[in-house]
Amino acid sequence: MMNNWHGYPVGFAPGGAFLGIGILVVIVSIIVVVLKGYALWHAARRSEPWWFIILLIVNTLGILELIYLYFVVGKWHSFSESAKTTDSAASSGSNTPKV
């Protein structure tokens, strides 16, 4: 018969499962704090007090911050447009990038 440790087979301790969950929680927490700080910084620079207050109070695991940055600030629209112009310049054979 297998040796048991309080009902668990040897080699599996109940704390081992929580280690992976703990690492995941730390990674998600860091991402959420970075997104929240970035969104709050943009709201403050754009003089949008209501967005600042909402972003500061409401915690949605970064979902509200992503919505604000993508749709209101349009922060990632500039990246996708610059990639399109670079791709079109490369496909047309031009050596000078479009600005």
PDB file of N, CA and C in Angstrom:
ATOM      1  N   MET A   1       0.835  -1.179   0.000  1.00  0.00           N
ATOM      2  CA  MET A   1       0.000   0.000   0.000  1.00  0.00           C
ATOM      3  C   MET A   1       0.884   1.247   0.000  1.00  0.00           C
ATOM      4  N   MET A   2       0.377   2.340  -0.604  1.00  0.00           N
ATOM      5  CA  MET A   2       1.144   3.590  -0.670  1.00  0.00           C
ATOM      6  C   MET A   2       1.203   4.281   0.679  1.00  0.00           C
ATOM      7  N   ASN A   3       2.302   4.941   0.903  1.00  0.00           N
ATOM      8  CA  ASN A   3       2.399   5.748   2.112  1.00  0.00           C
ATOM      9  C   ASN A   3       1.525   6.986   1.934  1.00  0.00           C
ATOM     10  N   ASN A   4       0.817   7.349   2.972  1.00  0.00           N
ATOM     11  CA  ASN A   4      -0.054   8.515   2.900  1.00  0.00           C
ATOM     12  C   ASN A   4       0.421   9.610   3.837  1.00  0.00           C
ATOM     13  N   TRP A   5       0.130  10.817   3.438  1.00  0.00           N
ATOM     14  CA  TRP A   5       0.391  11.973   4.274  1.00  0.00           C
ATOM     15  C   TRP A   5      -0.940  12.672   4.469  1.00  0.00           C
ATOM     16  N   HIS A   6      -1.595  12.423   5.538  1.00  0.00           N
ATOM     17  CA  HIS A   6      -2.908  12.976   5.871  1.00  0.00           C
ATOM     18  C   HIS A   6      -3.904  12.757   4.740  1.00  0.00           C
ATOM     19  N   GLY A   7      -3.912  11.586   4.159  1.00  0.00           N
ATOM     20  CA  GLY A   7      -4.883  11.258   3.133  1.00  0.00           C
ATOM     21  C   GLY A   7      -4.435  11.545   1.715  1.00  0.00           C
ATOM     22  N   TYR A   8      -3.282  12.168   1.536  1.00  0.00           N
ATOM     23  CA  TYR A   8      -2.777  12.471   0.199  1.00  0.00           C
ATOM     24  C   TYR A   8      -1.644  11.508  -0.145  1.00  0.00           C
ATOM     25  N   PRO A   9      -1.573  11.061  -1.393  1.00  0.00           N
ATOM     26  CA  PRO A   9      -0.452  10.191  -1.774  1.00  0.00           C
ATOM     27  C   PRO A   9       0.871  10.931  -1.604  1.00  0.00           C
ATOM     28  N   VAL A  10       1.909  10.184  -1.320  1.00  0.00           N
ATOM     29  CA  VAL A  10       3.234  10.781  -1.157  1.00  0.00           C
ATOM     30  C   VAL A  10       3.646  11.407  -2.482  1.00  0.00           C
ATOM     31  N   GLY A  11       4.230  12.577  -2.422  1.00  0.00           N
ATOM     32  CA  GLY A  11       4.658  13.282  -3.627  1.00  0.00           C
ATOM     33  C   GLY A  11       3.691  14.387  -4.016  1.00  0.00           C
ATOM     34  N   PHE A  12       2.532  14.440  -3.407  1.00  0.00           N
ATOM     35  CA  PHE A  12       1.577  15.505  -3.673  1.00  0.00           C
ATOM     36  C   PHE A  12       1.164  16.124  -2.353  1.00  0.00           C
ATOM     37  N   ALA A  13       1.625  17.308  -2.119  1.00  0.00           N
ATOM     38  CA  ALA A  13       1.238  18.038  -0.915  1.00  0.00           C
ATOM     39  C   ALA A  13       0.184  19.071  -1.310  1.00  0.00           C
ATOM     40  N   PRO A  14      -0.760  19.348  -0.453  1.00  0.00           N
ATOM     41  CA  PRO A  14      -1.817  20.297  -0.818  1.00  0.00           C
ATOM     42  C   PRO A  14      -1.287  21.697  -1.119  1.00  0.00           C
ATOM     43  N   GLY A  15      -0.158  22.076  -0.595  1.00  0.00           N
ATOM     44  CA  GLY A  15       0.392  23.402  -0.848  1.00  0.00           C
ATOM     45  C   GLY A  15       0.957  23.557  -2.245  1.00  0.00           C
ATOM     46  N   GLY A  16       1.304  22.460  -2.910  1.00  0.00           N
ATOM     47  CA  GLY A  16       1.882  22.534  -4.246  1.00  0.00           C
ATOM     48  C   GLY A  16       0.916  23.080  -5.282  1.00  0.00           C
ATOM     49  N   ALA A  17      -0.355  22.771  -5.149  1.00  0.00           N
ATOM     50  CA  ALA A  17      -1.355  23.276  -6.097  1.00  0.00           C
ATOM     51  C   ALA A  17      -1.522  24.784  -5.945  1.00  0.00           C
ATOM     52  N   PHE A  18      -1.362  25.287  -4.731  1.00  0.00           N
ATOM     53  CA  PHE A  18      -1.543  26.709  -4.501  1.00  0.00           C
ATOM     54  C   PHE A  18      -0.362  27.531  -4.981  1.00  0.00           C
ATOM     55  N   LEU A  19       0.776  26.921  -5.190  1.00  0.00           N
ATOM     56  CA  LEU A  19       1.948  27.654  -5.674  1.00  0.00           C
ATOM     57  C   LEU A  19       1.691  28.193  -7.070  1.00  0.00           C
ATOM     58  N   GLY A  20       1.144  27.376  -7.955  1.00  0.00           N
ATOM     59  CA  GLY A  20       0.829  27.822  -9.309  1.00  0.00           C
ATOM     60  C   GLY A  20      -0.214  28.920  -9.322  1.00  0.00           C
ATOM     61  N   ILE A  21      -1.224  28.779  -8.477  1.00  0.00           N
ATOM     62  CA  ILE A  21      -2.266  29.797  -8.381  1.00  0.00           C
ATOM     63  C   ILE A  21      -1.677  31.095  -7.835  1.00  0.00           C
ATOM     64  N   GLY A  22      -0.783  30.989  -6.875  1.00  0.00           N
ATOM     65  CA  GLY A  22      -0.151  32.184  -6.304  1.00  0.00           C
ATOM     66  C   GLY A  22       0.685  32.936  -7.327  1.00  0.00           C
ATOM     67  N   ILE A  23       1.419  32.199  -8.153  1.00  0.00           N
ATOM     68  CA  ILE A  23       2.219  32.840  -9.193  1.00  0.00           C
ATOM     69  C   ILE A  23       1.316  33.536 -10.200  1.00  0.00           C
ATOM     70  N   LEU A  24       0.214  32.887 -10.564  1.00  0.00           N
ATOM     71  CA  LEU A  24      -0.748  33.482 -11.491  1.00  0.00           C
ATOM     72  C   LEU A  24      -1.353  34.759 -10.919  1.00  0.00           C
ATOM     73  N   VAL A  25      -1.692  34.746  -9.641  1.00  0.00           N
ATOM     74  CA  VAL A  25      -2.261  35.927  -8.987  1.00  0.00           C
ATOM     75  C   VAL A  25      -1.258  37.075  -8.983  1.00  0.00           C
ATOM     76  N   VAL A  26      -0.001  36.786  -8.742  1.00  0.00           N
ATOM     77  CA  VAL A  26       1.030  37.829  -8.736  1.00  0.00           C
ATOM     78  C   VAL A  26       1.184  38.437 -10.130  1.00  0.00           C
ATOM     79  N   ILE A  27       1.217  37.607 -11.164  1.00  0.00           N
ATOM     80  CA  ILE A  27       1.371  38.105 -12.531  1.00  0.00           C
ATOM     81  C   ILE A  27       0.175  38.970 -12.933  1.00  0.00           C
ATOM     82  N   VAL A  28      -1.044  38.493 -12.659  1.00  0.00           N
ATOM     83  CA  VAL A  28      -2.247  39.261 -12.993  1.00  0.00           C
ATOM     84  C   VAL A  28      -2.279  40.570 -12.202  1.00  0.00           C
ATOM     85  N   SER A  29      -1.876  40.545 -10.951  1.00  0.00           N
ATOM     86  CA  SER A  29      -1.862  41.760 -10.135  1.00  0.00           C
ATOM     87  C   SER A  29      -0.900  42.798 -10.698  1.00  0.00           C
ATOM     88  N   ILE A  30       0.253  42.367 -11.140  1.00  0.00           N
ATOM     89  CA  ILE A  30       1.223  43.302 -11.722  1.00  0.00           C
ATOM     90  C   ILE A  30       0.658  43.917 -12.997  1.00  0.00           C
ATOM     91  N   ILE A  31       0.044  43.109 -13.844  1.00  0.00           N
ATOM     92  CA  ILE A  31      -0.541  43.627 -15.085  1.00  0.00           C
ATOM     93  C   ILE A  31      -1.648  44.632 -14.783  1.00  0.00           C
ATOM     94  N   VAL A  32      -2.500  44.328 -13.807  1.00  0.00           N
ATOM     95  CA  VAL A  32      -3.604  45.219 -13.451  1.00  0.00           C
ATOM     96  C   VAL A  32      -3.078  46.550 -12.911  1.00  0.00           C
ATOM     97  N   VAL A  33      -2.061  46.510 -12.069  1.00  0.00           N
ATOM     98  CA  VAL A  33      -1.504  47.750 -11.508  1.00  0.00           C
ATOM     99  C   VAL A  33      -0.882  48.603 -12.615  1.00  0.00           C
ATOM    100  N   VAL A  34      -0.178  47.985 -13.540  1.00  0.00           N
ATOM    101  CA  VAL A  34       0.432  48.738 -14.646  1.00  0.00           C
ATOM    102  C   VAL A  34      -0.648  49.365 -15.521  1.00  0.00           C
ATOM    103  N   LEU A  35      -1.680  48.604 -15.878  1.00  0.00           N
ATOM    104  CA  LEU A  35      -2.765  49.155 -16.690  1.00  0.00           C
ATOM    105  C   LEU A  35      -3.484  50.285 -15.972  1.00  0.00           C
ATOM    106  N   LYS A  36      -3.750  50.098 -14.684  1.00  0.00           N
ATOM    107  CA  LYS A  36      -4.451  51.134 -13.917  1.00  0.00           C
ATOM    108  C   LYS A  36      -3.619  52.415 -13.850  1.00  0.00           C
ATOM    109  N   GLY A  37      -2.332  52.279 -13.603  1.00  0.00           N
ATOM    110  CA  GLY A  37      -1.471  53.456 -13.556  1.00  0.00           C
ATOM    111  C   GLY A  37      -1.405  54.172 -14.888  1.00  0.00           C
ATOM    112  N   TYR A  38      -1.300  53.412 -15.971  1.00  0.00           N
ATOM    113  CA  TYR A  38      -1.222  53.993 -17.315  1.00  0.00           C
ATOM    114  C   TYR A  38      -2.526  54.704 -17.671  1.00  0.00           C
ATOM    115  N   ALA A  39      -3.672  54.094 -17.358  1.00  0.00           N
ATOM    116  CA  ALA A  39      -4.967  54.710 -17.641  1.00  0.00           C
ATOM    117  C   ALA A  39      -5.185  55.950 -16.773  1.00  0.00           C
ATOM    118  N   LEU A  40      -4.823  55.883 -15.505  1.00  0.00           N
ATOM    119  CA  LEU A  40      -4.953  57.052 -14.630  1.00  0.00           C
ATOM    120  C   LEU A  40      -4.059  58.192 -15.094  1.00  0.00           C
ATOM    121  N   TRP A  41      -2.886  57.873 -15.562  1.00  0.00           N
ATOM    122  CA  TRP A  41      -1.959  58.896 -16.055  1.00  0.00           C
ATOM    123  C   TRP A  41      -2.557  59.607 -17.267  1.00  0.00           C
ATOM    124  N   HIS A  42      -3.145  58.835 -18.190  1.00  0.00           N
ATOM    125  CA  HIS A  42      -3.766  59.452 -19.359  1.00  0.00           C
ATOM    126  C   HIS A  42      -4.978  60.292 -18.972  1.00  0.00           C
ATOM    127  N   ALA A  43      -5.803  59.802 -18.046  1.00  0.00           N
ATOM    128  CA  ALA A  43      -6.982  60.560 -17.616  1.00  0.00           C
ATOM    129  C   ALA A  43      -6.571  61.871 -16.968  1.00  0.00           C
ATOM    130  N   ALA A  44      -5.503  61.860 -16.197  1.00  0.00           N
ATOM    131  CA  ALA A  44      -5.036  63.091 -15.551  1.00  0.00           C
ATOM    132  C   ALA A  44      -4.463  64.065 -16.577  1.00  0.00           C
ATOM    133  N   ARG A  45      -3.684  63.575 -17.521  1.00  0.00           N
ATOM    134  CA  ARG A  45      -3.091  64.449 -18.545  1.00  0.00           C
ATOM    135  C   ARG A  45      -4.139  65.038 -19.471  1.00  0.00           C
ATOM    136  N   ARG A  46      -5.234  64.292 -19.704  1.00  0.00           N
ATOM    137  CA  ARG A  46      -6.292  64.763 -20.594  1.00  0.00           C
ATOM    138  C   ARG A  46      -7.343  65.589 -19.845  1.00  0.00           C
ATOM    139  N   SER A  47      -7.122  65.864 -18.566  1.00  0.00           N
ATOM    140  CA  SER A  47      -8.040  66.628 -17.715  1.00  0.00           C
ATOM    141  C   SER A  47      -9.450  66.044 -17.752  1.00  0.00           C
ATOM    142  N   GLU A  48      -9.550  64.747 -17.477  1.00  0.00           N
ATOM    143  CA  GLU A  48     -10.827  64.048 -17.434  1.00  0.00           C
ATOM    144  C   GLU A  48     -11.063  63.533 -16.017  1.00  0.00           C
ATOM    145  N   PRO A  49     -11.579  64.403 -15.137  1.00  0.00           N
ATOM    146  CA  PRO A  49     -11.717  64.010 -13.722  1.00  0.00           C
ATOM    147  C   PRO A  49     -12.679  62.849 -13.506  1.00  0.00           C
ATOM    148  N   TRP A  50     -13.767  62.754 -14.280  1.00  0.00           N
ATOM    149  CA  TRP A  50     -14.714  61.659 -14.081  1.00  0.00           C
ATOM    150  C   TRP A  50     -14.078  60.321 -14.419  1.00  0.00           C
ATOM    151  N   TRP A  51     -13.333  60.257 -15.516  1.00  0.00           N
ATOM    152  CA  TRP A  51     -12.644  59.019 -15.848  1.00  0.00           C
ATOM    153  C   TRP A  51     -11.615  58.671 -14.773  1.00  0.00           C
ATOM    154  N   PHE A  52     -10.913  59.677 -14.278  1.00  0.00           N
ATOM    155  CA  PHE A  52      -9.912  59.439 -13.247  1.00  0.00           C
ATOM    156  C   PHE A  52     -10.556  58.823 -12.014  1.00  0.00           C
ATOM    157  N   ILE A  53     -11.674  59.401 -11.571  1.00  0.00           N
ATOM    158  CA  ILE A  53     -12.359  58.906 -10.374  1.00  0.00           C
ATOM    159  C   ILE A  53     -12.887  57.491 -10.602  1.00  0.00           C
ATOM    160  N   ILE A  54     -13.514  57.248 -11.761  1.00  0.00           N
ATOM    161  CA  ILE A  54     -14.060  55.924 -12.055  1.00  0.00           C
ATOM    162  C   ILE A  54     -12.945  54.886 -12.107  1.00  0.00           C
ATOM    163  N   LEU A  55     -11.856  55.205 -12.812  1.00  0.00           N
ATOM    164  CA  LEU A  55     -10.747  54.260 -12.926  1.00  0.00           C
ATOM    165  C   LEU A  55     -10.082  54.001 -11.576  1.00  0.00           C
ATOM    166  N   LEU A  56     -10.061  55.011 -10.718  1.00  0.00           N
ATOM    167  CA  LEU A  56      -9.446  54.860  -9.404  1.00  0.00           C
ATOM    168  C   LEU A  56     -10.284  53.976  -8.482  1.00  0.00           C
ATOM    169  N   ILE A  57     -11.607  54.105  -8.562  1.00  0.00           N
ATOM    170  CA  ILE A  57     -12.483  53.406  -7.625  1.00  0.00           C
ATOM    171  C   ILE A  57     -12.850  51.998  -8.106  1.00  0.00           C
ATOM    172  N   VAL A  58     -13.181  51.856  -9.379  1.00  0.00           N
ATOM    173  CA  VAL A  58     -13.704  50.589  -9.897  1.00  0.00           C
ATOM    174  C   VAL A  58     -12.555  49.651 -10.241  1.00  0.00           C
ATOM    175  N   ASN A  59     -12.621  48.438  -9.710  1.00  0.00           N
ATOM    176  CA  ASN A  59     -11.626  47.416 -10.013  1.00  0.00           C
ATOM    177  C   ASN A  59     -12.283  46.317 -10.848  1.00  0.00           C
ATOM    178  N   THR A  60     -11.830  46.175 -12.094  1.00  0.00           N
ATOM    179  CA  THR A  60     -12.420  45.185 -12.997  1.00  0.00           C
ATOM    180  C   THR A  60     -11.345  44.302 -13.615  1.00  0.00           C
ATOM    181  N   LEU A  61     -10.244  44.056 -12.908  1.00  0.00           N
ATOM    182  CA  LEU A  61      -9.130  43.254 -13.409  1.00  0.00           C
ATOM    183  C   LEU A  61      -8.562  43.803 -14.713  1.00  0.00           C
ATOM    184  N   GLY A  62      -8.569  45.109 -14.875  1.00  0.00           N
ATOM    185  CA  GLY A  62      -7.954  45.730 -16.042  1.00  0.00           C
ATOM    186  C   GLY A  62      -8.874  45.895 -17.224  1.00  0.00           C
ATOM    187  N   ILE A  63     -10.108  45.381 -17.159  1.00  0.00           N
ATOM    188  CA  ILE A  63     -11.015  45.462 -18.301  1.00  0.00           C
ATOM    189  C   ILE A  63     -11.416  46.905 -18.564  1.00  0.00           C
ATOM    190  N   LEU A  64     -11.818  47.649 -17.541  1.00  0.00           N
ATOM    191  CA  LEU A  64     -12.217  49.043 -17.723  1.00  0.00           C
ATOM    192  C   LEU A  64     -11.036  49.885 -18.204  1.00  0.00           C
ATOM    193  N   GLU A  65      -9.850  49.612 -17.690  1.00  0.00           N
ATOM    194  CA  GLU A  65      -8.670  50.349 -18.111  1.00  0.00           C
ATOM    195  C   GLU A  65      -8.368  50.103 -19.583  1.00  0.00           C
ATOM    196  N   LEU A  66      -8.495  48.851 -20.027  1.00  0.00           N
ATOM    197  CA  LEU A  66      -8.279  48.545 -21.445  1.00  0.00           C
ATOM    198  C   LEU A  66      -9.316  49.229 -22.331  1.00  0.00           C
ATOM    199  N   ILE A  67     -10.569  49.237 -21.901  1.00  0.00           N
ATOM    200  CA  ILE A  67     -11.623  49.918 -22.658  1.00  0.00           C
ATOM    201  C   ILE A  67     -11.304  51.401 -22.771  1.00  0.00           C
ATOM    202  N   TYR A  68     -10.907  52.018 -21.674  1.00  0.00           N
ATOM    203  CA  TYR A  68     -10.567  53.445 -21.689  1.00  0.00           C
ATOM    204  C   TYR A  68      -9.389  53.723 -22.621  1.00  0.00           C
ATOM    205  N   LEU A  69      -8.328  52.949 -22.478  1.00  0.00           N
ATOM    206  CA  LEU A  69      -7.136  53.193 -23.299  1.00  0.00           C
ATOM    207  C   LEU A  69      -7.397  52.927 -24.778  1.00  0.00           C
ATOM    208  N   TYR A  70      -8.186  51.937 -25.109  1.00  0.00           N
ATOM    209  CA  TYR A  70      -8.397  51.575 -26.505  1.00  0.00           C
ATOM    210  C   TYR A  70      -9.434  52.465 -27.183  1.00  0.00           C
ATOM    211  N   PHE A  71     -10.592  52.665 -26.535  1.00  0.00           N
ATOM    212  CA  PHE A  71     -11.686  53.377 -27.184  1.00  0.00           C
ATOM    213  C   PHE A  71     -11.681  54.878 -26.913  1.00  0.00           C
ATOM    214  N   VAL A  72     -11.376  55.312 -25.693  1.00  0.00           N
ATOM    215  CA  VAL A  72     -11.437  56.734 -25.367  1.00  0.00           C
ATOM    216  C   VAL A  72     -10.145  57.439 -25.759  1.00  0.00           C
ATOM    217  N   VAL A  73      -9.015  56.925 -25.320  1.00  0.00           N
ATOM    218  CA  VAL A  73      -7.730  57.550 -25.632  1.00  0.00           C
ATOM    219  C   VAL A  73      -7.293  57.192 -27.043  1.00  0.00           C
ATOM    220  N   GLY A  74      -7.633  56.000 -27.488  1.00  0.00           N
ATOM    221  CA  GLY A  74      -7.203  55.543 -28.808  1.00  0.00           C
ATOM    222  C   GLY A  74      -5.708  55.295 -28.859  1.00  0.00           C
ATOM    223  N   LYS A  75      -5.158  54.831 -27.752  1.00  0.00           N
ATOM    224  CA  LYS A  75      -3.709  54.684 -27.631  1.00  0.00           C
ATOM    225  C   LYS A  75      -3.151  53.650 -28.591  1.00  0.00           C
ATOM    226  N   TRP A  76      -3.871  52.559 -28.832  1.00  0.00           N
ATOM    227  CA  TRP A  76      -3.321  51.511 -29.684  1.00  0.00           C
ATOM    228  C   TRP A  76      -3.706  51.696 -31.150  1.00  0.00           C
ATOM    229  N   HIS A  77      -4.547  52.690 -31.455  1.00  0.00           N
ATOM    230  CA  HIS A  77      -4.875  52.942 -32.854  1.00  0.00           C
ATOM    231  C   HIS A  77      -3.661  53.446 -33.609  1.00  0.00           C
ATOM    232  N   SER A  78      -2.831  54.241 -32.970  1.00  0.00           N
ATOM    233  CA  SER A  78      -1.653  54.791 -33.640  1.00  0.00           C
ATOM    234  C   SER A  78      -0.656  53.693 -33.990  1.00  0.00           C
ATOM    235  N   PHE A  79      -0.562  52.658 -33.141  1.00  0.00           N
ATOM    236  CA  PHE A  79       0.358  51.556 -33.432  1.00  0.00           C
ATOM    237  C   PHE A  79      -0.111  50.760 -34.641  1.00  0.00           C
ATOM    238  N   SER A  80      -1.402  50.486 -34.729  1.00  0.00           N
ATOM    239  CA  SER A  80      -1.908  49.693 -35.847  1.00  0.00           C
ATOM    240  C   SER A  80      -1.831  50.474 -37.146  1.00  0.00           C
ATOM    241  N   GLU A  81      -2.049  51.805 -37.100  1.00  0.00           N
ATOM    242  CA  GLU A  81      -1.950  52.616 -38.311  1.00  0.00           C
ATOM    243  C   GLU A  81      -0.511  52.708 -38.787  1.00  0.00           C
ATOM    244  N   SER A  82       0.453  52.822 -37.873  1.00  0.00           N
ATOM    245  CA  SER A  82       1.853  52.899 -38.285  1.00  0.00           C
ATOM    246  C   SER A  82       2.309  51.572 -38.864  1.00  0.00           C
ATOM    247  N   ALA A  83       1.773  50.458 -38.378  1.00  0.00           N
ATOM    248  CA  ALA A  83       2.126  49.154 -38.936  1.00  0.00           C
ATOM    249  C   ALA A  83       1.570  49.007 -40.345  1.00  0.00           C
ATOM    250  N   LYS A  84       0.365  49.563 -40.582  1.00  0.00           N
ATOM    251  CA  LYS A  84      -0.227  49.487 -41.916  1.00  0.00           C
ATOM    252  C   LYS A  84       0.581  50.300 -42.912  1.00  0.00           C
ATOM    253  N   THR A  85       1.032  51.486 -42.524  1.00  0.00           N
ATOM    254  CA  THR A  85       1.804  52.313 -43.445  1.00  0.00           C
ATOM    255  C   THR A  85       3.156  51.689 -43.726  1.00  0.00           C
ATOM    256  N   THR A  86       3.748  51.040 -42.744  1.00  0.00           N
ATOM    257  CA  THR A  86       5.029  50.364 -42.944  1.00  0.00           C
ATOM    258  C   THR A  86       4.851  49.178 -43.885  1.00  0.00           C
ATOM    259  N   ASP A  87       3.752  48.407 -43.702  1.00  0.00           N
ATOM    260  CA  ASP A  87       3.484  47.272 -44.572  1.00  0.00           C
ATOM    261  C   ASP A  87       3.210  47.715 -45.997  1.00  0.00           C
ATOM    262  N   SER A  88       2.466  48.804 -46.167  1.00  0.00           N
ATOM    263  CA  SER A  88       2.143  49.256 -47.514  1.00  0.00           C
ATOM    264  C   SER A  88       3.384  49.808 -48.211  1.00  0.00           C
ATOM    265  N   ALA A  89       4.292  50.439 -47.459  1.00  0.00           N
ATOM    266  CA  ALA A  89       5.527  50.948 -48.050  1.00  0.00           C
ATOM    267  C   ALA A  89       6.424  49.802 -48.478  1.00  0.00           C
ATOM    268  N   ALA A  90       6.438  48.730 -47.700  1.00  0.00           N
ATOM    269  CA  ALA A  90       7.271  47.578 -48.039  1.00  0.00           C
ATOM    270  C   ALA A  90       6.714  46.837 -49.239  1.00  0.00           C
ATOM    271  N   SER A  91       5.395  46.771 -49.352  1.00  0.00           N
ATOM    272  CA  SER A  91       4.800  46.051 -50.471  1.00  0.00           C
ATOM    273  C   SER A  91       4.891  46.831 -51.777  1.00  0.00           C
ATOM    274  N   SER A  92       4.946  48.178 -51.697  1.00  0.00           N
ATOM    275  CA  SER A  92       5.033  48.984 -52.919  1.00  0.00           C
ATOM    276  C   SER A  92       6.455  49.073 -53.432  1.00  0.00           C
ATOM    277  N   GLY A  93       7.431  48.625 -52.657  1.00  0.00           N
ATOM    278  CA  GLY A  93       8.824  48.624 -53.099  1.00  0.00           C
ATOM    279  C   GLY A  93       9.545  49.932 -52.816  1.00  0.00           C
ATOM    280  N   SER A  94       8.892  50.850 -52.114  1.00  0.00           N
ATOM    281  CA  SER A  94       9.505  52.127 -51.794  1.00  0.00           C
ATOM    282  C   SER A  94      10.470  51.963 -50.641  1.00  0.00           C
ATOM    283  N   ASN A  95      11.611  52.644 -50.742  1.00  0.00           N
ATOM    284  CA  ASN A  95      12.614  52.564 -49.671  1.00  0.00           C
ATOM    285  C   ASN A  95      12.381  53.623 -48.609  1.00  0.00           C
ATOM    286  N   THR A  96      11.572  54.627 -48.891  1.00  0.00           N
ATOM    287  CA  THR A  96      11.333  55.680 -47.921  1.00  0.00           C
ATOM    288  C   THR A  96      10.014  55.400 -47.207  1.00  0.00           C
ATOM    289  N   PRO A  97      10.030  55.388 -45.869  1.00  0.00           N
ATOM    290  CA  PRO A  97       8.789  55.136 -45.135  1.00  0.00           C
ATOM    291  C   PRO A  97       7.863  56.329 -45.204  1.00  0.00           C
ATOM    292  N   LYS A  98       6.573  56.062 -45.229  1.00  0.00           N
ATOM    293  CA  LYS A  98       5.573  57.118 -45.239  1.00  0.00           C
ATOM    294  C   LYS A  98       5.390  57.642 -43.820  1.00  0.00           C
ATOM    295  N   VAL A  99       5.203  58.927 -43.700  1.00  0.00           N
ATOM    296  CA  VAL A  99       5.043  59.550 -42.382  1.00  0.00           C
ATOM    297  C   VAL A  99       3.629  59.961 -42.179  1.00  0.00           C
TER     298      VAL A  99
END
